Protein backbone atom coordinates (compact mmCIF):
# COMPACT_ATOMS: atom_id res chain seq x y z
CA UNK A 1 -36.03 -0.71 42.53
CA UNK A 2 -33.85 2.16 41.53
CA UNK A 3 -30.63 0.15 41.89
CA UNK A 4 -31.98 -2.45 39.44
CA UNK A 5 -32.59 0.20 36.80
CA UNK A 6 -29.19 1.69 37.42
CA UNK A 7 -27.62 -1.71 37.08
CA UNK A 8 -29.42 -2.36 33.79
CA UNK A 9 -28.39 1.02 32.44
CA UNK A 10 -24.80 0.42 33.47
CA UNK A 11 -24.86 -2.97 31.77
CA UNK A 12 -26.19 -1.45 28.56
CA UNK A 13 -23.59 1.32 28.70
CA UNK A 14 -20.83 -1.21 29.26
CA UNK A 15 -22.09 -3.32 26.36
CA UNK A 16 -22.15 -0.27 24.08
CA UNK A 17 -18.60 0.65 25.12
CA UNK A 18 -17.39 -2.90 24.45
CA UNK A 19 -19.03 -2.84 21.03
CA UNK A 20 -17.49 0.57 20.24
CA UNK A 21 -14.06 -0.67 21.29
CA UNK A 22 -14.45 -3.76 19.13
CA UNK A 23 -15.51 -1.68 16.13
CA UNK A 24 -12.63 0.72 16.72
CA UNK A 25 -10.09 -2.11 16.80
CA UNK A 26 -11.59 -3.63 13.67
CA UNK A 27 -11.36 -0.26 11.89
CA UNK A 28 -7.76 0.16 12.99
CA UNK A 29 -6.92 -3.35 11.81
CA UNK A 30 -8.54 -2.69 8.42
CA UNK A 31 -6.65 0.60 8.15
CA UNK A 32 -3.34 -1.13 8.93
CA UNK A 33 -4.08 -3.79 6.30
CA UNK A 34 -4.85 -1.12 3.68
CA UNK A 35 -1.68 0.76 4.57
CA UNK A 36 0.39 -2.42 4.30
CA UNK A 37 -1.15 -3.21 0.91
CA UNK A 38 -0.48 0.34 -0.29
CA UNK A 39 3.13 0.11 0.84
CA UNK A 40 3.54 -3.24 -0.92
CA UNK A 41 2.01 -1.93 -4.15
CA UNK A 42 4.14 1.23 -3.96
CA UNK A 43 7.27 -0.90 -3.58
CA UNK A 44 6.30 -3.06 -6.54
CA UNK A 45 5.54 0.00 -8.67
CA UNK A 46 8.87 1.63 -7.85
CA UNK A 47 10.73 -1.60 -8.61
CA UNK A 48 8.95 -1.88 -11.96
CA UNK A 49 9.73 1.73 -12.81
CA UNK A 50 13.41 1.16 -11.98
CA UNK A 51 13.46 -1.95 -14.17
CA UNK A 52 11.76 -0.05 -17.00
CA UNK A 53 14.37 2.70 -16.77
CA UNK A 54 17.19 0.15 -16.96
CA UNK A 55 15.62 -1.47 -20.02
CA UNK A 56 15.12 1.92 -21.68
CA UNK A 57 18.75 2.87 -21.01
CA UNK A 58 19.93 -0.46 -22.43
CA UNK A 59 17.83 0.00 -25.58
CA UNK A 60 19.10 3.56 -26.00
CA UNK A 61 22.70 2.38 -25.61
CA UNK A 62 22.16 -0.35 -28.21
CA UNK A 63 20.64 2.14 -30.64
CA UNK A 64 23.55 4.50 -30.13
CA UNK A 65 26.01 1.65 -30.66
CA UNK A 66 24.19 0.54 -33.83
CA UNK A 67 24.15 4.11 -35.10
CA UNK A 68 27.92 4.39 -34.58
CA UNK A 69 28.46 1.12 -36.46
CA UNK A 70 26.41 2.36 -39.39
CA UNK A 71 28.28 5.66 -39.59
CA UNK A 72 31.74 4.03 -39.43
CA UNK A 73 31.29 1.87 -42.54
CA UNK A 74 34.09 2.40 -45.04
CA UNK A 75 33.11 3.91 -48.38
């Protein structure tokens, strides 16, 4: 009878190991998905910041140009 108990215990251990491996792979997959999303959001944020800087520089250049036009009016 001892081999039957050993077999049952081995089966349970194997089932637990399979379940642990499955959970581990699911965790790793979820982590990879979160990292990919973070990278995507970071890229979008940096692109938006770069676009905002360009717009701010353009506005500043226009203001400077308008200021020069106002100061060069003949009296």
